[in-house]
Amino acid sequence: MPPLTQTLEQVRAEIAENSGWVARSDGRLVGAIRAVEDGELLLIGRIAIAPDMQGEGIGRALLDAAENASAASEAELFTGSLSEANIRLYESCGYVETRRVPQDDGTEQVFLRKKLGPRT
């Protein structure tokens, strides 16, 4: 996974092509998420929470914001197999593991999906 290795142009392209939400605490940026709809599938991209703010419900709130803003019928995200806290969070939010993709370093990318209810 390529976190924090993108060029400025790649970041600009992502911003232009995706929706995004942020969380702030007293003006400080403490979390962010990006997502894009691909037909009936909401593809949730990077979720980042400030290390000192993890466990405060920010990730859950950002996931809710992305899901509630979408007209898609299902959402998908992925994380690394060593990211056990992330996997627990996603499962507690209703995501179910659908597949694992082996990586060259012996880890796996873990894909999870969640059915999204009808939007009103």
C-alpha atoms as a PDB file:
ATOM      1  CA  MET A   1       0.000   0.000   0.000  1.00  0.00           C
ATOM      2  CA  PRO A   2       1.396   3.413  -0.907  1.00  0.00           C
ATOM      3  CA  PRO A   3       0.448   5.727   1.978  1.00  0.00           C
ATOM      4  CA  LEU A   4       2.138   9.109   1.875  1.00  0.00           C
ATOM      5  CA  THR A   5       4.120   8.306  -1.261  1.00  0.00           C
ATOM      6  CA  GLN A   6       2.006  10.216  -3.755  1.00  0.00           C
ATOM      7  CA  THR A   7       3.168  13.218  -5.711  1.00  0.00           C
ATOM      8  CA  LEU A   8       1.321  16.497  -5.369  1.00  0.00           C
ATOM      9  CA  GLU A   9      -0.219  15.939  -8.808  1.00  0.00           C
ATOM     10  CA  GLN A  10      -1.493  12.492  -7.758  1.00  0.00           C
ATOM     11  CA  VAL A  11      -3.072  13.982  -4.632  1.00  0.00           C
ATOM     12  CA  ARG A  12      -4.723  16.716  -6.711  1.00  0.00           C
ATOM     13  CA  ALA A  13      -6.123  14.093  -9.105  1.00  0.00           C
ATOM     14  CA  GLU A  14      -7.541  12.084  -6.185  1.00  0.00           C
ATOM     15  CA  ILE A  15      -9.196  15.159  -4.737  1.00  0.00           C
ATOM     16  CA  ALA A  16     -10.756  16.000  -8.103  1.00  0.00           C
ATOM     17  CA  GLU A  17     -12.076  12.461  -8.677  1.00  0.00           C
ATOM     18  CA  ASN A  18     -13.235  11.523  -5.164  1.00  0.00           C
ATOM     19  CA  SER A  19     -15.515  12.772  -2.432  1.00  0.00           C
ATOM     20  CA  GLY A  20     -13.971  13.445   0.915  1.00  0.00           C
ATOM     21  CA  TRP A  21     -14.814  14.299   4.494  1.00  0.00           C
ATOM     22  CA  VAL A  22     -12.698  15.572   7.344  1.00  0.00           C
ATOM     23  CA  ALA A  23     -13.042  15.668  11.107  1.00  0.00           C
ATOM     24  CA  ARG A  24     -11.782  18.608  13.121  1.00  0.00           C
ATOM     25  CA  SER A  25     -11.342  19.117  16.836  1.00  0.00           C
ATOM     26  CA  ASP A  26     -10.873  22.720  17.974  1.00  0.00           C
ATOM     27  CA  GLY A  27      -9.861  23.603  14.411  1.00  0.00           C
ATOM     28  CA  ARG A  28      -7.273  20.819  14.210  1.00  0.00           C
ATOM     29  CA  LEU A  29      -7.623  18.301  11.389  1.00  0.00           C
ATOM     30  CA  VAL A  30      -7.887  14.946  13.197  1.00  0.00           C
ATOM     31  CA  GLY A  31      -9.332  12.650  10.527  1.00  0.00           C
ATOM     32  CA  ALA A  32     -10.075  12.278   6.840  1.00  0.00           C
ATOM     33  CA  ILE A  33     -11.683   9.796   4.466  1.00  0.00           C
ATOM     34  CA  ARG A  34     -12.132   9.647   0.708  1.00  0.00           C
ATOM     35  CA  ALA A  35     -14.572   7.623  -1.373  1.00  0.00           C
ATOM     36  CA  VAL A  36     -15.793   7.272  -4.943  1.00  0.00           C
ATOM     37  CA  GLU A  37     -18.885   5.616  -6.374  1.00  0.00           C
ATOM     38  CA  ASP A  38     -18.381   2.994  -9.067  1.00  0.00           C
ATOM     39  CA  GLY A  39     -21.884   2.073 -10.188  1.00  0.00           C
ATOM     40  CA  GLU A  40     -23.636   0.471  -7.214  1.00  0.00           C
ATOM     41  CA  LEU A  41     -20.385   0.168  -5.244  1.00  0.00           C
ATOM     42  CA  LEU A  42     -18.987   2.807  -2.910  1.00  0.00           C
ATOM     43  CA  LEU A  43     -15.213   2.391  -2.884  1.00  0.00           C
ATOM     44  CA  ILE A  44     -13.882   3.776   0.380  1.00  0.00           C
ATOM     45  CA  GLY A  45     -10.292   4.869   0.149  1.00  0.00           C
ATOM     46  CA  ARG A  46      -7.875   6.151   2.653  1.00  0.00           C
ATOM     47  CA  ILE A  47      -9.089   6.661   6.168  1.00  0.00           C
ATOM     48  CA  ALA A  48      -6.612   8.542   8.335  1.00  0.00           C
ATOM     49  CA  ILE A  49      -7.025   9.414  12.000  1.00  0.00           C
ATOM     50  CA  ALA A  50      -4.475  11.333  14.061  1.00  0.00           C
ATOM     51  CA  PRO A  51      -2.697   8.778  16.279  1.00  0.00           C
ATOM     52  CA  ASP A  52      -3.606  10.576  19.522  1.00  0.00           C
ATOM     53  CA  MET A  53      -7.291  10.648  18.490  1.00  0.00           C
ATOM     54  CA  GLN A  54      -7.701   6.992  17.562  1.00  0.00           C
ATOM     55  CA  GLY A  55     -10.367   5.179  19.538  1.00  0.00           C
ATOM     56  CA  GLU A  56     -12.497   8.328  19.887  1.00  0.00           C
ATOM     57  CA  GLY A  57     -15.127   7.337  17.269  1.00  0.00           C
ATOM     58  CA  ILE A  58     -13.764   9.550  14.510  1.00  0.00           C
ATOM     59  CA  GLY A  59     -13.230   6.700  12.027  1.00  0.00           C
ATOM     60  CA  ARG A  60     -16.747   5.406  12.640  1.00  0.00           C
ATOM     61  CA  ALA A  61     -18.203   8.907  12.135  1.00  0.00           C
ATOM     62  CA  LEU A  62     -16.283   9.396   8.887  1.00  0.00           C
ATOM     63  CA  LEU A  63     -17.428   6.000   7.587  1.00  0.00           C
ATOM     64  CA  ASP A  64     -21.020   6.940   8.445  1.00  0.00           C
ATOM     65  CA  ALA A  65     -20.662  10.252   6.593  1.00  0.00           C
ATOM     66  CA  ALA A  66     -19.343   8.587   3.431  1.00  0.00           C
ATOM     67  CA  GLU A  67     -21.965   5.823   3.508  1.00  0.00           C
ATOM     68  CA  ASN A  68     -24.869   8.200   4.183  1.00  0.00           C
ATOM     69  CA  ALA A  69     -23.863  10.518   1.343  1.00  0.00           C
ATOM     70  CA  SER A  70     -23.796   7.656  -1.164  1.00  0.00           C
ATOM     71  CA  ALA A  71     -26.549   6.245  -3.359  1.00  0.00           C
ATOM     72  CA  ALA A  72     -24.614   2.969  -3.752  1.00  0.00           C
ATOM     73  CA  SER A  73     -26.101  -0.287  -2.505  1.00  0.00           C
ATOM     74  CA  GLU A  74     -22.815  -1.655  -1.154  1.00  0.00           C
ATOM     75  CA  ALA A  75     -19.508  -0.310   0.178  1.00  0.00           C
ATOM     76  CA  GLU A  76     -16.046  -1.840  -0.045  1.00  0.00           C
ATOM     77  CA  LEU A  77     -12.772  -0.996   1.644  1.00  0.00           C
ATOM     78  CA  PHE A  78      -9.482  -2.725   2.316  1.00  0.00           C
ATOM     79  CA  THR A  79      -6.681  -2.696   4.837  1.00  0.00           C
ATOM     80  CA  GLY A  80      -3.544  -4.674   5.574  1.00  0.00           C
ATOM     81  CA  SER A  81      -3.764  -7.989   7.397  1.00  0.00           C
ATOM     82  CA  LEU A  82      -1.557  -6.647  10.204  1.00  0.00           C
ATOM     83  CA  SER A  83      -3.994  -3.784  10.857  1.00  0.00           C
ATOM     84  CA  GLU A  84      -6.038  -5.743  13.373  1.00  0.00           C
ATOM     85  CA  ALA A  85      -7.554  -2.639  15.019  1.00  0.00           C
ATOM     86  CA  ASN A  86      -8.766  -1.422  11.607  1.00  0.00           C
ATOM     87  CA  ILE A  87     -10.314  -4.803  10.828  1.00  0.00           C
ATOM     88  CA  ARG A  88     -12.092  -4.814  14.224  1.00  0.00           C
ATOM     89  CA  LEU A  89     -13.424  -1.306  13.571  1.00  0.00           C
ATOM     90  CA  TYR A  90     -14.713  -2.181  10.104  1.00  0.00           C
ATOM     91  CA  GLU A  91     -16.351  -5.380  11.329  1.00  0.00           C
ATOM     92  CA  SER A  92     -18.007  -3.493  14.209  1.00  0.00           C
ATOM     93  CA  CYS A  93     -19.405  -1.085  11.578  1.00  0.00           C
ATOM     94  CA  GLY A  94     -21.009  -3.977   9.684  1.00  0.00           C
ATOM     95  CA  TYR A  95     -18.291  -4.795   7.152  1.00  0.00           C
ATOM     96  CA  VAL A  96     -17.649  -8.456   6.331  1.00  0.00           C
ATOM     97  CA  GLU A  97     -14.395  -9.844   5.003  1.00  0.00           C
ATOM     98  CA  THR A  98     -14.800 -10.982   1.396  1.00  0.00           C
ATOM     99  CA  ARG A  99     -11.272 -11.836   0.267  1.00  0.00           C
ATOM    100  CA  ARG A 100      -7.565 -11.636   0.990  1.00  0.00           C
ATOM    101  CA  VAL A 101      -4.925 -10.826  -1.591  1.00  0.00           C
ATOM    102  CA  PRO A 102      -1.375 -11.985  -0.795  1.00  0.00           C
ATOM    103  CA  GLN A 103       1.357  -9.338  -0.955  1.00  0.00           C
ATOM    104  CA  ASP A 104       5.047  -9.839  -1.714  1.00  0.00           C
ATOM    105  CA  ASP A 105       6.020  -9.121   1.898  1.00  0.00           C
ATOM    106  CA  GLY A 106       4.019 -12.031   3.344  1.00  0.00           C
ATOM    107  CA  THR A 107       1.067  -9.908   4.405  1.00  0.00           C
ATOM    108  CA  GLU A 108      -2.335  -9.723   2.755  1.00  0.00           C
ATOM    109  CA  GLN A 109      -4.716  -7.011   1.675  1.00  0.00           C
ATOM    110  CA  VAL A 110      -8.016  -7.706   3.428  1.00  0.00           C
ATOM    111  CA  PHE A 111     -11.127  -6.612   1.506  1.00  0.00           C
ATOM    112  CA  LEU A 112     -14.376  -6.040   3.384  1.00  0.00           C
ATOM    113  CA  ARG A 113     -17.880  -5.176   2.155  1.00  0.00           C
ATOM    114  CA  LYS A 114     -21.047  -3.842   3.677  1.00  0.00           C
ATOM    115  CA  LYS A 115     -24.576  -3.689   2.306  1.00  0.00           C
ATOM    116  CA  LEU A 116     -25.919  -0.157   2.477  1.00  0.00           C
ATOM    117  CA  GLY A 117     -29.582   0.428   3.176  1.00  0.00           C
ATOM    118  CA  PRO A 118     -31.901   2.442   0.967  1.00  0.00           C
ATOM    119  CA  ARG A 119     -31.241   6.182   1.045  1.00  0.00           C
ATOM    120  CA  THR A 120     -34.081   8.642   1.553  1.00  0.00           C
END
